[in-house]
PDB file of N, CA and C in Angstrom:
ATOM      1  N   UNK A   1     105.279 103.222 113.274  1.00  0.00           N
ATOM      2  CA  UNK A   1     105.617 102.130 112.471  1.00  0.00           C
ATOM      3  C   UNK A   1     107.088 101.873 112.365  1.00  0.00           C
ATOM      4  N   UNK A   2     107.617 100.665 112.558  1.00  0.00           N
ATOM      5  CA  UNK A   2     108.895 100.330 112.453  1.00  0.00           C
ATOM      6  C   UNK A   2     109.518 100.543 111.183  1.00  0.00           C
ATOM      7  N   UNK A   3     110.854 101.162 110.999  1.00  0.00           N
ATOM      8  CA  UNK A   3     111.268 101.306 109.506  1.00  0.00           C
ATOM      9  C   UNK A   3     112.732 100.509 109.483  1.00  0.00           C
ATOM     10  N   UNK A   4     112.875  99.929 108.249  1.00  0.00           N
ATOM     11  CA  UNK A   4     114.110  99.458 107.993  1.00  0.00           C
ATOM     12  C   UNK A   4     114.536  99.715 106.642  1.00  0.00           C
ATOM     13  N   UNK A   5     115.812  99.863 106.268  1.00  0.00           N
ATOM     14  CA  UNK A   5     116.410 100.159 104.992  1.00  0.00           C
ATOM     15  C   UNK A   5     116.363  98.766 104.257  1.00  0.00           C
ATOM     16  N   UNK A   6     116.551  98.855 103.020  1.00  0.00           N
ATOM     17  CA  UNK A   6     116.549  97.491 102.128  1.00  0.00           C
ATOM     18  C   UNK A   6     117.784  96.935 102.502  1.00  0.00           C
ATOM     19  N   UNK A   7     118.937  97.472 102.991  1.00  0.00           N
ATOM     20  CA  UNK A   7     120.035  96.796 103.168  1.00  0.00           C
ATOM     21  C   UNK A   7     119.793  96.061 104.574  1.00  0.00           C
ATOM     22  N   UNK A   8     119.206  96.696 105.485  1.00  0.00           N
ATOM     23  CA  UNK A   8     118.832  96.008 106.850  1.00  0.00           C
ATOM     24  C   UNK A   8     117.805  94.895 106.573  1.00  0.00           C
ATOM     25  N   UNK A   9     116.875  94.968 105.570  1.00  0.00           N
ATOM     26  CA  UNK A   9     115.838  93.963 105.133  1.00  0.00           C
ATOM     27  C   UNK A   9     116.791  92.670 104.770  1.00  0.00           C
ATOM     28  N   UNK A  10     117.893  92.891 103.876  1.00  0.00           N
ATOM     29  CA  UNK A  10     118.497  91.826 103.412  1.00  0.00           C
ATOM     30  C   UNK A  10     119.269  91.032 104.530  1.00  0.00           C
ATOM     31  N   UNK A  11     119.989  91.971 105.434  1.00  0.00           N
ATOM     32  CA  UNK A  11     120.729  91.367 106.641  1.00  0.00           C
ATOM     33  C   UNK A  11     119.987  90.835 107.582  1.00  0.00           C
ATOM     34  N   UNK A  12     118.892  91.240 107.869  1.00  0.00           N
ATOM     35  CA  UNK A  12     117.858  90.848 109.014  1.00  0.00           C
ATOM     36  C   UNK A  12     116.558  90.390 108.633  1.00  0.00           C
ATOM     37  N   UNK A  13     116.517  89.550 107.606  1.00  0.00           N
ATOM     38  CA  UNK A  13     115.174  89.189 107.149  1.00  0.00           C
ATOM     39  C   UNK A  13     114.226  88.651 108.251  1.00  0.00           C
ATOM     40  N   UNK A  14     114.802  87.897 108.955  1.00  0.00           N
ATOM     41  CA  UNK A  14     114.052  87.148 110.032  1.00  0.00           C
ATOM     42  C   UNK A  14     113.354  88.251 111.204  1.00  0.00           C
ATOM     43  N   UNK A  15     114.256  89.417 111.521  1.00  0.00           N
ATOM     44  CA  UNK A  15     113.723  90.281 112.345  1.00  0.00           C
ATOM     45  C   UNK A  15     112.696  91.059 111.864  1.00  0.00           C
ATOM     46  N   UNK A  16     112.801  91.585 110.572  1.00  0.00           N
ATOM     47  CA  UNK A  16     112.059  92.349 109.741  1.00  0.00           C
ATOM     48  C   UNK A  16     110.582  91.459 109.417  1.00  0.00           C
ATOM     49  N   UNK A  17     110.667  90.334 109.136  1.00  0.00           N
ATOM     50  CA  UNK A  17     109.334  89.631 108.978  1.00  0.00           C
ATOM     51  C   UNK A  17     108.710  89.333 110.249  1.00  0.00           C
ATOM     52  N   UNK A  18     109.549  89.264 111.360  1.00  0.00           N
ATOM     53  CA  UNK A  18     108.631  88.781 112.652  1.00  0.00           C
ATOM     54  C   UNK A  18     108.113  90.047 113.215  1.00  0.00           C
ATOM     55  N   UNK A  19     108.679  91.228 112.969  1.00  0.00           N
ATOM     56  CA  UNK A  19     108.070  92.555 113.296  1.00  0.00           C
ATOM     57  C   UNK A  19     106.976  92.649 112.452  1.00  0.00           C
ATOM     58  N   UNK A  20     106.783  92.366 111.248  1.00  0.00           N
ATOM     59  CA  UNK A  20     105.656  92.459 110.316  1.00  0.00           C
ATOM     60  C   UNK A  20     104.498  91.705 110.677  1.00  0.00           C
ATOM     61  N   UNK A  21     104.798  90.609 111.423  1.00  0.00           N
ATOM     62  CA  UNK A  21     103.704  89.785 111.949  1.00  0.00           C
ATOM     63  C   UNK A  21     102.811  90.581 112.937  1.00  0.00           C
ATOM     64  N   UNK A  22     103.335  91.477 113.550  1.00  0.00           N
ATOM     65  CA  UNK A  22     102.411  92.319 114.564  1.00  0.00           C
ATOM     66  C   UNK A  22     102.353  93.806 114.262  1.00  0.00           C
ATOM     67  N   UNK A  23     102.821  94.208 113.228  1.00  0.00           N
ATOM     68  CA  UNK A  23     102.720  95.657 112.713  1.00  0.00           C
ATOM     69  C   UNK A  23     103.215  95.936 111.381  1.00  0.00           C
ATOM     70  N   UNK A  24     102.594  96.802 110.522  1.00  0.00           N
ATOM     71  CA  UNK A  24     103.309  96.979 109.268  1.00  0.00           C
ATOM     72  C   UNK A  24     104.535  97.597 109.498  1.00  0.00           C
ATOM     73  N   UNK A  25     105.455  97.237 108.466  1.00  0.00           N
ATOM     74  CA  UNK A  25     106.874  97.736 108.531  1.00  0.00           C
ATOM     75  C   UNK A  25     107.215  98.543 107.334  1.00  0.00           C
ATOM     76  N   UNK A  26     107.911  99.634 107.499  1.00  0.00           N
ATOM     77  CA  UNK A  26     108.282 100.557 106.405  1.00  0.00           C
ATOM     78  C   UNK A  26     109.634 100.033 105.908  1.00  0.00           C
ATOM     79  N   UNK A  27     109.756  99.908 104.595  1.00  0.00           N
ATOM     80  CA  UNK A  27     111.102  99.623 104.048  1.00  0.00           C
ATOM     81  C   UNK A  27     111.512 100.886 103.119  1.00  0.00           C
ATOM     82  N   UNK A  28     112.528 101.550 103.530  1.00  0.00           N
ATOM     83  CA  UNK A  28     113.114 102.546 102.848  1.00  0.00           C
ATOM     84  C   UNK A  28     114.252 101.968 101.673  1.00  0.00           C
ATOM     85  N   UNK A  29     114.365 102.893 100.877  1.00  0.00           N
ATOM     86  CA  UNK A  29     115.388 102.660  99.777  1.00  0.00           C
ATOM     87  C   UNK A  29     116.026 104.100  99.513  1.00  0.00           C
ATOM     88  N   UNK A  30     117.409 104.116  99.735  1.00  0.00           N
ATOM     89  CA  UNK A  30     118.037 105.480  99.547  1.00  0.00           C
ATOM     90  C   UNK A  30     117.389 106.579 100.537  1.00  0.00           C
ATOM     91  N   UNK A  31     116.984 106.133 101.890  1.00  0.00           N
ATOM     92  CA  UNK A  31     116.459 106.973 102.823  1.00  0.00           C
ATOM     93  C   UNK A  31     114.987 107.521 102.526  1.00  0.00           C
ATOM     94  N   UNK A  32     114.254 106.857 101.391  1.00  0.00           N
ATOM     95  CA  UNK A  32     113.005 107.395 101.002  1.00  0.00           C
ATOM     96  C   UNK A  32     112.174 106.156 101.302  1.00  0.00           C
ATOM     97  N   UNK A  33     110.908 106.242 101.669  1.00  0.00           N
ATOM     98  CA  UNK A  33     109.859 105.318 101.911  1.00  0.00           C
ATOM     99  C   UNK A  33     109.444 104.665 100.432  1.00  0.00           C
ATOM    100  N   UNK A  34     109.506 103.551 100.467  1.00  0.00           N
ATOM    101  CA  UNK A  34     109.157 102.768  99.323  1.00  0.00           C
ATOM    102  C   UNK A  34     108.262 101.660  99.346  1.00  0.00           C
ATOM    103  N   UNK A  35     108.194 100.867 100.521  1.00  0.00           N
ATOM    104  CA  UNK A  35     107.320  99.701 100.619  1.00  0.00           C
ATOM    105  C   UNK A  35     106.939  99.580 101.888  1.00  0.00           C
ATOM    106  N   UNK A  36     105.934  98.945 102.070  1.00  0.00           N
ATOM    107  CA  UNK A  36     105.163  98.397 103.380  1.00  0.00           C
ATOM    108  C   UNK A  36     105.073  96.957 103.461  1.00  0.00           C
ATOM    109  N   UNK A  37     105.592  96.358 104.506  1.00  0.00           N
ATOM    110  CA  UNK A  37     105.557  94.967 104.583  1.00  0.00           C
ATOM    111  C   UNK A  37     104.436  94.732 105.641  1.00  0.00           C
ATOM    112  N   UNK A  38     103.676  93.742 105.543  1.00  0.00           N
ATOM    113  CA  UNK A  38     102.633  93.315 106.769  1.00  0.00           C
ATOM    114  C   UNK A  38     102.340  91.857 106.524  1.00  0.00           C
ATOM    115  N   UNK A  39     101.683  91.428 107.598  1.00  0.00           N
ATOM    116  CA  UNK A  39     101.267  89.953 107.511  1.00  0.00           C
ATOM    117  C   UNK A  39     100.291  90.100 106.381  1.00  0.00           C
ATOM    118  N   UNK A  40      99.988  88.849 106.058  1.00  0.00           N
ATOM    119  CA  UNK A  40      99.025  88.463 104.935  1.00  0.00           C
ATOM    120  C   UNK A  40      97.680  88.677 105.668  1.00  0.00           C
ATOM    121  N   UNK A  41      97.392  88.151 106.880  1.00  0.00           N
ATOM    122  CA  UNK A  41      96.242  88.374 107.721  1.00  0.00           C
ATOM    123  C   UNK A  41      95.828  89.781 107.797  1.00  0.00           C
ATOM    124  N   UNK A  42      96.724  90.695 108.046  1.00  0.00           N
ATOM    125  CA  UNK A  42      96.461  91.960 108.089  1.00  0.00           C
ATOM    126  C   UNK A  42      95.870  92.614 106.705  1.00  0.00           C
ATOM    127  N   UNK A  43      96.773  92.191 105.692  1.00  0.00           N
ATOM    128  CA  UNK A  43      96.388  92.672 104.465  1.00  0.00           C
ATOM    129  C   UNK A  43      95.020  92.243 103.850  1.00  0.00           C
ATOM    130  N   UNK A  44      94.610  90.958 104.317  1.00  0.00           N
ATOM    131  CA  UNK A  44      93.378  90.250 103.904  1.00  0.00           C
ATOM    132  C   UNK A  44      92.309  91.217 104.684  1.00  0.00           C
ATOM    133  N   UNK A  45      92.393  91.628 106.062  1.00  0.00           N
ATOM    134  CA  UNK A  45      91.480  92.294 106.837  1.00  0.00           C
ATOM    135  C   UNK A  45      91.289  93.765 106.113  1.00  0.00           C
ATOM    136  N   UNK A  46      92.376  94.297 105.525  1.00  0.00           N
ATOM    137  CA  UNK A  46      92.317  95.545 104.913  1.00  0.00           C
ATOM    138  C   UNK A  46      91.759  95.571 103.570  1.00  0.00           C
ATOM    139  N   UNK A  47      91.874  94.526 102.893  1.00  0.00           N
ATOM    140  CA  UNK A  47      91.300  94.485 101.474  1.00  0.00           C
ATOM    141  C   UNK A  47      89.839  93.777 101.425  1.00  0.00           C
ATOM    142  N   UNK A  48      89.578  92.969 102.297  1.00  0.00           N
ATOM    143  CA  UNK A  48      88.442  92.197 102.473  1.00  0.00           C
ATOM    144  C   UNK A  48      87.115  92.795 103.154  1.00  0.00           C
ATOM    145  N   UNK A  49      87.139  94.078 103.471  1.00  0.00           N
ATOM    146  CA  UNK A  49      86.016  94.848 104.202  1.00  0.00           C
ATOM    147  C   UNK A  49      85.345  95.566 103.317  1.00  0.00           C
ATOM    148  N   UNK A  50      84.234  95.023 102.461  1.00  0.00           N
ATOM    149  CA  UNK A  50      83.727  96.062 101.739  1.00  0.00           C
ATOM    150  C   UNK A  50      83.075  97.059 102.415  1.00  0.00           C
ATOM    151  N   UNK A  51      82.427  96.990 103.721  1.00  0.00           N
ATOM    152  CA  UNK A  51      81.611  97.954 104.332  1.00  0.00           C
ATOM    153  C   UNK A  51      82.539  99.015 104.875  1.00  0.00           C
ATOM    154  N   UNK A  52      83.894  98.954 104.874  1.00  0.00           N
ATOM    155  CA  UNK A  52      84.730 100.100 105.125  1.00  0.00           C
ATOM    156  C   UNK A  52      84.767 101.336 104.159  1.00  0.00           C
ATOM    157  N   UNK A  53      84.011 102.436 104.521  1.00  0.00           N
ATOM    158  CA  UNK A  53      84.166 103.334 103.606  1.00  0.00           C
ATOM    159  C   UNK A  53      85.192 104.115 103.248  1.00  0.00           C
ATOM    160  N   UNK A  54      86.439 103.868 103.822  1.00  0.00           N
ATOM    161  CA  UNK A  54      87.739 104.531 103.435  1.00  0.00           C
ATOM    162  C   UNK A  54      88.094 103.990 102.162  1.00  0.00           C
ATOM    163  N   UNK A  55      88.639 104.857 101.394  1.00  0.00           N
ATOM    164  CA  UNK A  55      89.183 104.474  99.964  1.00  0.00           C
ATOM    165  C   UNK A  55      90.118 105.515  99.476  1.00  0.00           C
ATOM    166  N   UNK A  56      91.306 105.052  99.097  1.00  0.00           N
ATOM    167  CA  UNK A  56      92.361 105.970  98.512  1.00  0.00           C
ATOM    168  C   UNK A  56      92.207 106.049  96.912  1.00  0.00           C
ATOM    169  N   UNK A  57      92.146 107.102  96.379  1.00  0.00           N
ATOM    170  CA  UNK A  57      92.139 107.539  94.890  1.00  0.00           C
ATOM    171  C   UNK A  57      93.545 107.934  94.428  1.00  0.00           C
ATOM    172  N   UNK A  58      93.941 107.807  93.444  1.00  0.00           N
ATOM    173  CA  UNK A  58      95.026 108.390  92.754  1.00  0.00           C
ATOM    174  C   UNK A  58      94.506 109.667  92.059  1.00  0.00           C
ATOM    175  N   UNK A  59      95.457 110.429  91.716  1.00  0.00           N
ATOM    176  CA  UNK A  59      95.091 111.723  90.867  1.00  0.00           C
ATOM    177  C   UNK A  59      94.112 111.283  89.688  1.00  0.00           C
ATOM    178  N   UNK A  60      92.997 111.912  89.491  1.00  0.00           N
ATOM    179  CA  UNK A  60      92.175 111.651  88.422  1.00  0.00           C
ATOM    180  C   UNK A  60      91.262 110.300  88.531  1.00  0.00           C
ATOM    181  N   UNK A  61      91.339 109.653  89.858  1.00  0.00           N
ATOM    182  CA  UNK A  61      90.598 108.554  89.723  1.00  0.00           C
ATOM    183  C   UNK A  61      89.368 108.627  90.485  1.00  0.00           C
ATOM    184  N   UNK A  62      89.295 109.768  91.494  1.00  0.00           N
ATOM    185  CA  UNK A  62      88.060 109.920  92.282  1.00  0.00           C
ATOM    186  C   UNK A  62      86.757 110.074  91.498  1.00  0.00           C
ATOM    187  N   UNK A  63      85.493 109.534  92.074  1.00  0.00           N
ATOM    188  CA  UNK A  63      84.432 109.773  91.222  1.00  0.00           C
ATOM    189  C   UNK A  63      84.137 111.334  91.260  1.00  0.00           C
ATOM    190  N   UNK A  64      83.469 111.716  90.135  1.00  0.00           N
ATOM    191  CA  UNK A  64      83.221 113.139  89.924  1.00  0.00           C
ATOM    192  C   UNK A  64      82.530 113.828  90.901  1.00  0.00           C
ATOM    193  N   UNK A  65      81.605 113.236  91.626  1.00  0.00           N
ATOM    194  CA  UNK A  65      80.875 113.838  92.842  1.00  0.00           C
ATOM    195  C   UNK A  65      81.727 114.094  93.835  1.00  0.00           C
ATOM    196  N   UNK A  66      82.712 113.175  94.201  1.00  0.00           N
ATOM    197  CA  UNK A  66      83.766 113.129  95.287  1.00  0.00           C
ATOM    198  C   UNK A  66      84.529 114.394  94.837  1.00  0.00           C
ATOM    199  N   UNK A  67      85.291 114.523  93.824  1.00  0.00           N
ATOM    200  CA  UNK A  67      86.059 115.277  93.360  1.00  0.00           C
ATOM    201  C   UNK A  67      85.434 116.867  93.424  1.00  0.00           C
ATOM    202  N   UNK A  68      84.252 116.905  93.081  1.00  0.00           N
ATOM    203  CA  UNK A  68      83.616 118.233  93.114  1.00  0.00           C
ATOM    204  C   UNK A  68      83.452 118.785  94.480  1.00  0.00           C
ATOM    205  N   UNK A  69      83.052 117.768  95.413  1.00  0.00           N
ATOM    206  CA  UNK A  69      82.979 118.219  96.938  1.00  0.00           C
ATOM    207  C   UNK A  69      84.300 118.449  97.565  1.00  0.00           C
ATOM    208  N   UNK A  70      85.402 117.873  97.191  1.00  0.00           N
ATOM    209  CA  UNK A  70      86.833 118.158  97.696  1.00  0.00           C
ATOM    210  C   UNK A  70      87.241 119.436  97.085  1.00  0.00           C
ATOM    211  N   UNK A  71      86.968 119.718  95.948  1.00  0.00           N
ATOM    212  CA  UNK A  71      87.394 120.972  95.250  1.00  0.00           C
ATOM    213  C   UNK A  71      86.787 122.294  95.859  1.00  0.00           C
ATOM    214  N   UNK A  72      85.432 121.927  96.403  1.00  0.00           N
ATOM    215  CA  UNK A  72      84.614 123.016  96.783  1.00  0.00           C
ATOM    216  C   UNK A  72      84.990 123.129  98.352  1.00  0.00           C
ATOM    217  N   UNK A  73      85.407 122.137  98.931  1.00  0.00           N
ATOM    218  CA  UNK A  73      85.788 122.489 100.131  1.00  0.00           C
ATOM    219  C   UNK A  73      87.364 123.065 100.299  1.00  0.00           C
ATOM    220  N   UNK A  74      88.054 122.818  99.247  1.00  0.00           N
ATOM    221  CA  UNK A  74      89.477 123.410  99.182  1.00  0.00           C
ATOM    222  C   UNK A  74      89.198 124.857  98.773  1.00  0.00           C
ATOM    223  N   UNK A  75      88.342 125.149  98.017  1.00  0.00           N
ATOM    224  CA  UNK A  75      88.263 126.580  97.600  1.00  0.00           C
ATOM    225  C   UNK A  75      87.835 127.290  98.803  1.00  0.00           C
ATOM    226  N   UNK A  76      86.853 126.742  99.558  1.00  0.00           N
ATOM    227  CA  UNK A  76      86.446 127.455 100.841  1.00  0.00           C
ATOM    228  C   UNK A  76      87.463 127.931 101.886  1.00  0.00           C
ATOM    229  N   UNK A  77      88.343 126.682 101.912  1.00  0.00           N
ATOM    230  CA  UNK A  77      89.532 126.909 102.852  1.00  0.00           C
ATOM    231  C   UNK A  77      90.568 127.941 102.387  1.00  0.00           C
ATOM    232  N   UNK A  78      90.533 127.851 101.078  1.00  0.00           N
ATOM    233  CA  UNK A  78      91.729 128.977 100.546  1.00  0.00           C
ATOM    234  C   UNK A  78      90.981 130.220 100.568  1.00  0.00           C
ATOM    235  N   UNK A  79      89.838 130.428 100.592  1.00  0.00           N
ATOM    236  CA  UNK A  79      89.098 131.778 100.728  1.00  0.00           C
ATOM    237  C   UNK A  79      89.135 132.252 102.050  1.00  0.00           C
ATOM    238  N   UNK A  80      89.057 131.304 103.082  1.00  0.00           N
ATOM    239  CA  UNK A  80      89.037 131.594 104.422  1.00  0.00           C
ATOM    240  C   UNK A  80      90.406 132.150 104.910  1.00  0.00           C
ATOM    241  N   UNK A  81      91.453 131.415 104.375  1.00  0.00           N
ATOM    242  CA  UNK A  81      92.745 131.757 104.590  1.00  0.00           C
ATOM    243  C   UNK A  81      93.118 133.013 103.991  1.00  0.00           C
ATOM    244  N   UNK A  82      92.717 133.352 102.959  1.00  0.00           N
ATOM    245  CA  UNK A  82      93.095 134.709 102.267  1.00  0.00           C
ATOM    246  C   UNK A  82      92.433 135.696 102.967  1.00  0.00           C
ATOM    247  N   UNK A  83      91.202 135.509 103.524  1.00  0.00           N
ATOM    248  CA  UNK A  83      90.487 136.691 104.148  1.00  0.00           C
ATOM    249  C   UNK A  83      90.943 136.876 105.607  1.00  0.00           C
ATOM    250  N   UNK A  84      91.621 135.760 106.055  1.00  0.00           N
ATOM    251  CA  UNK A  84      91.983 135.972 107.609  1.00  0.00           C
ATOM    252  C   UNK A  84      91.185 135.151 108.502  1.00  0.00           C
ATOM    253  N   UNK A  85      89.968 134.630 107.986  1.00  0.00           N
ATOM    254  CA  UNK A  85      88.900 134.037 108.964  1.00  0.00           C
ATOM    255  C   UNK A  85      89.367 132.757 109.308  1.00  0.00           C
ATOM    256  N   UNK A  86      90.444 131.944 108.750  1.00  0.00           N
ATOM    257  CA  UNK A  86      90.866 130.593 109.010  1.00  0.00           C
ATOM    258  C   UNK A  86      91.412 130.397 110.386  1.00  0.00           C
ATOM    259  N   UNK A  87      91.796 131.559 111.071  1.00  0.00           N
ATOM    260  CA  UNK A  87      92.528 131.432 112.353  1.00  0.00           C
ATOM    261  C   UNK A  87      91.584 130.825 113.405  1.00  0.00           C
TER     262      UNK A  87
END
């Protein structure tokens, strides 16, 4: 993913938006990732595909059954690493 600072975005808006037509563009502010700029068509494809099983949840937003499964897997991984079986 190509990256531009907010200053570069202001100075080179044409270049940045042109790049965003073919791939998502990372916009940084004070050297930290802040935004992603992408074409509207790509955004629509990302958000309009209900059969896509991938989903992002914020902390505390995951369905309880998913949270339990993730916590159980994490506990198993921690136990394996602690016992040396994770190599």
